[in-house]
PDB file of all heavy atoms in Angstrom:
ATOM      1  N   VAL A   1      29.834 -23.467  47.290  1.00  0.00           N
ATOM      2  CA  VAL A   1      30.837 -22.783  46.474  1.00  0.00           C
ATOM      3  C   VAL A   1      30.385 -21.362  46.155  1.00  0.00           C
ATOM      4  O   VAL A   1      29.244 -21.132  45.743  1.00  0.00           O
ATOM      5  CB  VAL A   1      31.093 -23.571  45.170  1.00  0.00           C
ATOM      6  CG1 VAL A   1      31.915 -22.752  44.180  1.00  0.00           C
ATOM      7  CG2 VAL A   1      31.778 -24.892  45.490  1.00  0.00           C
ATOM      8  N   ASP A   2      31.294 -20.411  46.350  1.00  0.00           N
ATOM      9  CA  ASP A   2      30.991 -19.008  46.062  1.00  0.00           C
ATOM     10  C   ASP A   2      31.185 -18.662  44.591  1.00  0.00           C
ATOM     11  O   ASP A   2      30.394 -17.917  44.020  1.00  0.00           O
ATOM     12  CB  ASP A   2      31.864 -18.099  46.931  1.00  0.00           C
ATOM     13  CG  ASP A   2      31.528 -18.221  48.403  1.00  0.00           C
ATOM     14  OD1 ASP A   2      30.457 -17.725  48.796  1.00  0.00           O
ATOM     15  OD2 ASP A   2      32.314 -18.827  49.153  1.00  0.00           O
ATOM     16  N   PHE A   3      32.249 -19.175  43.987  1.00  0.00           N
ATOM     17  CA  PHE A   3      32.423 -18.965  42.555  1.00  0.00           C
ATOM     18  C   PHE A   3      33.306 -20.055  41.955  1.00  0.00           C
ATOM     19  O   PHE A   3      33.986 -20.793  42.669  1.00  0.00           O
ATOM     20  CB  PHE A   3      32.958 -17.566  42.226  1.00  0.00           C
ATOM     21  CG  PHE A   3      34.316 -17.229  42.772  1.00  0.00           C
ATOM     22  CD1 PHE A   3      35.469 -17.415  42.017  1.00  0.00           C
ATOM     23  CD2 PHE A   3      34.451 -16.663  44.037  1.00  0.00           C
ATOM     24  CE1 PHE A   3      36.715 -17.072  42.504  1.00  0.00           C
ATOM     25  CE2 PHE A   3      35.700 -16.311  44.539  1.00  0.00           C
ATOM     26  CZ  PHE A   3      36.838 -16.521  43.766  1.00  0.00           C
ATOM     27  N   VAL A   4      33.241 -20.154  40.625  1.00  0.00           N
ATOM     28  CA  VAL A   4      33.927 -21.194  39.863  1.00  0.00           C
ATOM     29  C   VAL A   4      35.009 -20.548  39.012  1.00  0.00           C
ATOM     30  O   VAL A   4      34.806 -19.471  38.441  1.00  0.00           O
ATOM     31  CB  VAL A   4      32.929 -21.960  38.966  1.00  0.00           C
ATOM     32  CG1 VAL A   4      33.648 -22.954  38.065  1.00  0.00           C
ATOM     33  CG2 VAL A   4      31.875 -22.657  39.824  1.00  0.00           C
ATOM     34  N   VAL A   5      36.155 -21.213  38.915  1.00  0.00           N
ATOM     35  CA  VAL A   5      37.259 -20.722  38.090  1.00  0.00           C
ATOM     36  C   VAL A   5      37.576 -21.752  37.019  1.00  0.00           C
ATOM     37  O   VAL A   5      37.816 -22.927  37.328  1.00  0.00           O
ATOM     38  CB  VAL A   5      38.522 -20.450  38.931  1.00  0.00           C
ATOM     39  CG1 VAL A   5      39.668 -19.996  38.028  1.00  0.00           C
ATOM     40  CG2 VAL A   5      38.245 -19.409  39.998  1.00  0.00           C
ATOM     41  N   LEU A   6      37.569 -21.327  35.765  1.00  0.00           N
ATOM     42  CA  LEU A   6      37.976 -22.186  34.660  1.00  0.00           C
ATOM     43  C   LEU A   6      39.453 -21.924  34.396  1.00  0.00           C
ATOM     44  O   LEU A   6      39.822 -20.930  33.777  1.00  0.00           O
ATOM     45  CB  LEU A   6      37.144 -21.898  33.405  1.00  0.00           C
ATOM     46  CG  LEU A   6      35.617 -21.934  33.569  1.00  0.00           C
ATOM     47  CD1 LEU A   6      34.938 -21.768  32.215  1.00  0.00           C
ATOM     48  CD2 LEU A   6      35.157 -23.220  34.243  1.00  0.00           C
ATOM     49  N   ALA A   7      40.306 -22.823  34.892  1.00  0.00           N
ATOM     50  CA  ALA A   7      41.756 -22.655  34.779  1.00  0.00           C
ATOM     51  C   ALA A   7      42.255 -23.407  33.553  1.00  0.00           C
ATOM     52  O   ALA A   7      42.853 -24.474  33.660  1.00  0.00           O
ATOM     53  CB  ALA A   7      42.446 -23.152  36.049  1.00  0.00           C
ATOM     54  N   ARG A   8      41.942 -22.870  32.380  1.00  0.00           N
ATOM     55  CA  ARG A   8      42.201 -23.523  31.100  1.00  0.00           C
ATOM     56  C   ARG A   8      41.368 -24.793  30.973  1.00  0.00           C
ATOM     57  O   ARG A   8      41.870 -25.867  30.668  1.00  0.00           O
ATOM     58  CB  ARG A   8      43.691 -23.812  30.910  1.00  0.00           C
ATOM     59  CG  ARG A   8      44.568 -22.592  30.743  1.00  0.00           C
ATOM     60  CD  ARG A   8      44.141 -21.685  29.589  1.00  0.00           C
ATOM     61  NE  ARG A   8      44.096 -22.412  28.322  1.00  0.00           N
ATOM     62  CZ  ARG A   8      45.141 -22.553  27.510  1.00  0.00           C
ATOM     63  NH1 ARG A   8      46.300 -22.056  27.847  1.00  0.00           N
ATOM     64  NH2 ARG A   8      45.018 -23.182  26.362  1.00  0.00           N
ATOM     65  N   TYR A   9      40.071 -24.636  31.217  1.00  0.00           N
ATOM     66  CA  TYR A   9      39.107 -25.711  31.003  1.00  0.00           C
ATOM     67  C   TYR A   9      38.653 -25.614  29.560  1.00  0.00           C
ATOM     68  O   TYR A   9      37.981 -24.640  29.173  1.00  0.00           O
ATOM     69  CB  TYR A   9      37.935 -25.557  31.962  1.00  0.00           C
ATOM     70  CG  TYR A   9      36.895 -26.653  31.856  1.00  0.00           C
ATOM     71  CD1 TYR A   9      37.212 -27.968  32.159  1.00  0.00           C
ATOM     72  CD2 TYR A   9      35.593 -26.360  31.468  1.00  0.00           C
ATOM     73  CE1 TYR A   9      36.262 -28.976  32.074  1.00  0.00           C
ATOM     74  CE2 TYR A   9      34.628 -27.349  31.380  1.00  0.00           C
ATOM     75  CZ  TYR A   9      34.976 -28.657  31.688  1.00  0.00           C
ATOM     76  OH  TYR A   9      34.024 -29.650  31.600  1.00  0.00           O
ATOM     77  N   MET A  10      39.022 -26.585  28.746  1.00  0.00           N
ATOM     78  CA  MET A  10      38.841 -26.486  27.301  1.00  0.00           C
ATOM     79  C   MET A  10      37.505 -27.063  26.835  1.00  0.00           C
ATOM     80  O   MET A  10      37.429 -27.839  25.883  1.00  0.00           O
ATOM     81  CB  MET A  10      40.005 -27.184  26.587  1.00  0.00           C
ATOM     82  CG  MET A  10      41.377 -26.752  27.081  1.00  0.00           C
ATOM     83  SD  MET A  10      41.631 -24.948  27.024  1.00  0.00           S
ATOM     84  CE  MET A  10      41.765 -24.717  25.259  1.00  0.00           C
ATOM     85  N   GLN A  11      36.455 -26.667  27.540  1.00  0.00           N
ATOM     86  CA  GLN A  11      35.100 -27.040  27.161  1.00  0.00           C
ATOM     87  C   GLN A  11      34.233 -25.790  27.236  1.00  0.00           C
ATOM     88  O   GLN A  11      34.444 -24.921  28.098  1.00  0.00           O
ATOM     89  CB  GLN A  11      34.530 -28.103  28.097  1.00  0.00           C
ATOM     90  CG  GLN A  11      35.207 -29.458  27.999  1.00  0.00           C
ATOM     91  CD  GLN A  11      34.768 -30.220  26.763  1.00  0.00           C
ATOM     92  OE1 GLN A  11      33.624 -30.132  26.326  1.00  0.00           O
ATOM     93  NE2 GLN A  11      35.682 -30.985  26.188  1.00  0.00           N
ATOM     94  N   ILE A  12      33.275 -25.695  26.341  1.00  0.00           N
ATOM     95  CA  ILE A  12      32.333 -24.577  26.372  1.00  0.00           C
ATOM     96  C   ILE A  12      31.167 -24.952  27.271  1.00  0.00           C
ATOM     97  O   ILE A  12      30.497 -25.966  27.045  1.00  0.00           O
ATOM     98  CB  ILE A  12      31.828 -24.255  24.951  1.00  0.00           C
ATOM     99  CG1 ILE A  12      33.007 -23.868  24.051  1.00  0.00           C
ATOM    100  CG2 ILE A  12      30.795 -23.131  24.996  1.00  0.00           C
ATOM    101  CD1 ILE A  12      32.619 -23.704  22.598  1.00  0.00           C
ATOM    102  N   LEU A  13      30.930 -24.169  28.294  1.00  0.00           N
ATOM    103  CA  LEU A  13      29.829 -24.454  29.214  1.00  0.00           C
ATOM    104  C   LEU A  13      28.487 -24.204  28.540  1.00  0.00           C
ATOM    105  O   LEU A  13      28.346 -23.312  27.703  1.00  0.00           O
ATOM    106  CB  LEU A  13      29.942 -23.588  30.463  1.00  0.00           C
ATOM    107  CG  LEU A  13      31.181 -23.792  31.337  1.00  0.00           C
ATOM    108  CD1 LEU A  13      31.115 -22.896  32.566  1.00  0.00           C
ATOM    109  CD2 LEU A  13      31.338 -25.251  31.749  1.00  0.00           C
ATOM    110  N   THR A  14      27.490 -24.989  28.921  1.00  0.00           N
ATOM    111  CA  THR A  14      26.151 -24.819  28.358  1.00  0.00           C
ATOM    112  C   THR A  14      25.526 -23.516  28.840  1.00  0.00           C
ATOM    113  O   THR A  14      25.911 -22.956  29.868  1.00  0.00           O
ATOM    114  CB  THR A  14      25.247 -25.990  28.760  1.00  0.00           C
ATOM    115  OG1 THR A  14      25.100 -25.995  30.193  1.00  0.00           O
ATOM    116  CG2 THR A  14      25.823 -27.314  28.303  1.00  0.00           C
ATOM    117  N   ALA A  15      24.550 -23.054  28.087  1.00  0.00           N
ATOM    118  CA  ALA A  15      23.844 -21.827  28.460  1.00  0.00           C
ATOM    119  C   ALA A  15      23.148 -21.985  29.806  1.00  0.00           C
ATOM    120  O   ALA A  15      23.048 -21.028  30.582  1.00  0.00           O
ATOM    121  CB  ALA A  15      22.822 -21.466  27.372  1.00  0.00           C
ATOM    122  N   GLU A  16      22.696 -23.203  30.098  1.00  0.00           N
ATOM    123  CA  GLU A  16      22.017 -23.451  31.370  1.00  0.00           C
ATOM    124  C   GLU A  16      22.963 -23.263  32.554  1.00  0.00           C
ATOM    125  O   GLU A  16      22.594 -22.673  33.581  1.00  0.00           O
ATOM    126  CB  GLU A  16      21.441 -24.863  31.382  1.00  0.00           C
ATOM    127  CG  GLU A  16      20.268 -25.093  30.437  1.00  0.00           C
ATOM    128  CD  GLU A  16      20.683 -25.202  28.977  1.00  0.00           C
ATOM    129  OE1 GLU A  16      21.888 -25.399  28.710  1.00  0.00           O
ATOM    130  OE2 GLU A  16      19.806 -25.068  28.106  1.00  0.00           O
ATOM    131  N   THR A  17      24.193 -23.744  32.417  1.00  0.00           N
ATOM    132  CA  THR A  17      25.160 -23.584  33.497  1.00  0.00           C
ATOM    133  C   THR A  17      25.552 -22.123  33.662  1.00  0.00           C
ATOM    134  O   THR A  17      25.664 -21.621  34.785  1.00  0.00           O
ATOM    135  CB  THR A  17      26.418 -24.429  33.211  1.00  0.00           C
ATOM    136  OG1 THR A  17      26.036 -25.813  33.183  1.00  0.00           O
ATOM    137  CG2 THR A  17      27.482 -24.225  34.272  1.00  0.00           C
ATOM    138  N   CYS A  18      25.750 -21.420  32.559  1.00  0.00           N
ATOM    139  CA  CYS A  18      26.071 -19.995  32.626  1.00  0.00           C
ATOM    140  C   CYS A  18      24.960 -19.216  33.325  1.00  0.00           C
ATOM    141  O   CYS A  18      25.223 -18.330  34.147  1.00  0.00           O
ATOM    142  CB  CYS A  18      26.300 -19.436  31.224  1.00  0.00           C
ATOM    143  SG  CYS A  18      27.714 -20.142  30.355  1.00  0.00           S
ATOM    144  N   ALA A  19      23.713 -19.561  32.995  1.00  0.00           N
ATOM    145  CA  ALA A  19      22.575 -18.854  33.591  1.00  0.00           C
ATOM    146  C   ALA A  19      22.439 -19.162  35.073  1.00  0.00           C
ATOM    147  O   ALA A  19      21.940 -18.334  35.843  1.00  0.00           O
ATOM    148  CB  ALA A  19      21.291 -19.229  32.853  1.00  0.00           C
ATOM    149  N   ALA A  20      22.887 -20.355  35.485  1.00  0.00           N
ATOM    150  CA  ALA A  20      22.757 -20.742  36.891  1.00  0.00           C
ATOM    151  C   ALA A  20      23.743 -20.008  37.790  1.00  0.00           C
ATOM    152  O   ALA A  20      23.494 -19.869  38.992  1.00  0.00           O
ATOM    153  CB  ALA A  20      22.952 -22.251  37.026  1.00  0.00           C
ATOM    154  N   LEU A  21      24.856 -19.524  37.211  1.00  0.00           N
ATOM    155  CA  LEU A  21      25.896 -18.884  38.019  1.00  0.00           C
ATOM    156  C   LEU A  21      26.330 -17.552  37.400  1.00  0.00           C
ATOM    157  O   LEU A  21      27.508 -17.340  37.089  1.00  0.00           O
ATOM    158  CB  LEU A  21      27.109 -19.817  38.148  1.00  0.00           C
ATOM    159  CG  LEU A  21      26.863 -21.179  38.797  1.00  0.00           C
ATOM    160  CD1 LEU A  21      28.083 -22.078  38.632  1.00  0.00           C
ATOM    161  CD2 LEU A  21      26.514 -21.002  40.277  1.00  0.00           C
ATOM    162  N   PRO A  22      25.411 -16.604  37.249  1.00  0.00           N
ATOM    163  CA  PRO A  22      25.795 -15.320  36.634  1.00  0.00           C
ATOM    164  C   PRO A  22      26.780 -14.552  37.516  1.00  0.00           C
ATOM    165  O   PRO A  22      26.587 -14.414  38.718  1.00  0.00           O
ATOM    166  CB  PRO A  22      24.451 -14.590  36.526  1.00  0.00           C
ATOM    167  CG  PRO A  22      23.604 -15.176  37.621  1.00  0.00           C
ATOM    168  CD  PRO A  22      24.011 -16.630  37.694  1.00  0.00           C
ATOM    169  N   GLY A  23      27.857 -14.085  36.906  1.00  0.00           N
ATOM    170  CA  GLY A  23      28.861 -13.347  37.655  1.00  0.00           C
ATOM    171  C   GLY A  23      29.626 -14.186  38.655  1.00  0.00           C
ATOM    172  O   GLY A  23      30.299 -13.659  39.543  1.00  0.00           O
ATOM    173  N   ARG A  24      29.567 -15.528  38.489  1.00  0.00           N
ATOM    174  CA  ARG A  24      30.222 -16.424  39.442  1.00  0.00           C
ATOM    175  C   ARG A  24      31.127 -17.441  38.749  1.00  0.00           C
ATOM    176  O   ARG A  24      31.601 -18.370  39.381  1.00  0.00           O
ATOM    177  CB  ARG A  24      29.179 -17.138  40.294  1.00  0.00           C
ATOM    178  CG  ARG A  24      28.392 -16.214  41.221  1.00  0.00           C
ATOM    179  CD  ARG A  24      27.264 -16.965  41.913  1.00  0.00           C
ATOM    180  NE  ARG A  24      27.765 -18.079  42.712  1.00  0.00           N
ATOM    181  CZ  ARG A  24      26.976 -19.044  43.205  1.00  0.00           C
ATOM    182  NH1 ARG A  24      25.670 -19.037  42.933  1.00  0.00           N
ATOM    183  NH2 ARG A  24      27.499 -20.021  43.942  1.00  0.00           N
ATOM    184  N   ILE A  25      31.367 -17.266  37.455  1.00  0.00           N
ATOM    185  CA  ILE A  25      32.288 -18.143  36.732  1.00  0.00           C
ATOM    186  C   ILE A  25      33.332 -17.257  36.051  1.00  0.00           C
ATOM    187  O   ILE A  25      32.991 -16.395  35.232  1.00  0.00           O
ATOM    188  CB  ILE A  25      31.588 -19.001  35.675  1.00  0.00           C
ATOM    189  CG1 ILE A  25      30.390 -19.752  36.264  1.00  0.00           C
ATOM    190  CG2 ILE A  25      32.577 -19.992  35.067  1.00  0.00           C
ATOM    191  CD1 ILE A  25      29.593 -20.531  35.230  1.00  0.00           C
ATOM    192  N   ILE A  26      34.597 -17.482  36.378  1.00  0.00           N
ATOM    193  CA  ILE A  26      35.692 -16.713  35.795  1.00  0.00           C
ATOM    194  C   ILE A  26      36.472 -17.603  34.842  1.00  0.00           C
ATOM    195  O   ILE A  26      36.837 -18.729  35.181  1.00  0.00           O
ATOM    196  CB  ILE A  26      36.630 -16.170  36.886  1.00  0.00           C
ATOM    197  CG1 ILE A  26      35.871 -15.193  37.805  1.00  0.00           C
ATOM    198  CG2 ILE A  26      37.843 -15.485  36.277  1.00  0.00           C
ATOM    199  CD1 ILE A  26      36.683 -14.725  38.995  1.00  0.00           C
ATOM    200  N   ASN A  27      36.758 -17.085  33.655  1.00  0.00           N
ATOM    201  CA  ASN A  27      37.512 -17.841  32.660  1.00  0.00           C
ATOM    202  C   ASN A  27      38.762 -17.064  32.272  1.00  0.00           C
ATOM    203  O   ASN A  27      38.785 -15.829  32.339  1.00  0.00           O
ATOM    204  CB  ASN A  27      36.653 -18.086  31.412  1.00  0.00           C
ATOM    205  CG  ASN A  27      37.311 -19.045  30.439  1.00  0.00           C
ATOM    206  OD1 ASN A  27      38.113 -19.890  30.819  1.00  0.00           O
ATOM    207  ND2 ASN A  27      36.971 -18.917  29.163  1.00  0.00           N
ATOM    208  N   ILE A  28      39.791 -17.790  31.883  1.00  0.00           N
ATOM    209  CA  ILE A  28      40.995 -17.173  31.343  1.00  0.00           C
ATOM    210  C   ILE A  28      41.033 -17.442  29.852  1.00  0.00           C
ATOM    211  O   ILE A  28      40.932 -18.608  29.423  1.00  0.00           O
ATOM    212  CB  ILE A  28      42.264 -17.705  32.043  1.00  0.00           C
ATOM    213  CG1 ILE A  28      43.525 -17.125  31.399  1.00  0.00           C
ATOM    214  CG2 ILE A  28      42.327 -19.224  32.031  1.00  0.00           C
ATOM    215  CD1 ILE A  28      43.692 -15.654  31.616  1.00  0.00           C
ATOM    216  N   HIS A  29      41.126 -16.401  29.063  1.00  0.00           N
ATOM    217  CA  HIS A  29      41.199 -16.580  27.613  1.00  0.00           C
ATOM    218  C   HIS A  29      42.627 -16.319  27.178  1.00  0.00           C
ATOM    219  O   HIS A  29      43.203 -15.274  27.477  1.00  0.00           O
ATOM    220  CB  HIS A  29      40.252 -15.642  26.873  1.00  0.00           C
ATOM    221  CG  HIS A  29      40.178 -15.930  25.406  1.00  0.00           C
ATOM    222  ND1 HIS A  29      39.381 -16.910  24.890  1.00  0.00           N
ATOM    223  CD2 HIS A  29      40.853 -15.398  24.363  1.00  0.00           C
ATOM    224  CE1 HIS A  29      39.543 -16.960  23.575  1.00  0.00           C
ATOM    225  NE2 HIS A  29      40.430 -16.056  23.231  1.00  0.00           N
ATOM    226  N   HIS A  30      43.194 -17.276  26.470  1.00  0.00           N
ATOM    227  CA  HIS A  30      44.605 -17.227  26.131  1.00  0.00           C
ATOM    228  C   HIS A  30      44.896 -16.336  24.934  1.00  0.00           C
ATOM    229  O   HIS A  30      45.577 -16.727  23.990  1.00  0.00           O
ATOM    230  CB  HIS A  30      45.137 -18.642  25.881  1.00  0.00           C
ATOM    231  CG  HIS A  30      44.199 -19.480  25.058  1.00  0.00           C
ATOM    232  ND1 HIS A  30      43.729 -20.688  25.501  1.00  0.00           N
ATOM    233  CD2 HIS A  30      43.623 -19.282  23.861  1.00  0.00           C
ATOM    234  CE1 HIS A  30      42.921 -21.214  24.595  1.00  0.00           C
ATOM    235  NE2 HIS A  30      42.858 -20.379  23.586  1.00  0.00           N
ATOM    236  N   SER A  31      44.347 -15.149  24.934  1.00  0.00           N
ATOM    237  CA  SER A  31      44.740 -14.096  24.008  1.00  0.00           C
ATOM    238  C   SER A  31      44.130 -12.804  24.522  1.00  0.00           C
ATOM    239  O   SER A  31      43.433 -12.786  25.530  1.00  0.00           O
ATOM    240  CB  SER A  31      44.274 -14.378  22.567  1.00  0.00           C
ATOM    241  OG  SER A  31      42.872 -14.226  22.452  1.00  0.00           O
TER     242      SER A  31
END
């Protein structure tokens, strides 16, 4: 996988997961 998309995934990812994929996780914030 090249990158991950959170398409209204209503969970907060752990710091470990964020650190594992820097610049490779896109989130949509509903505001």
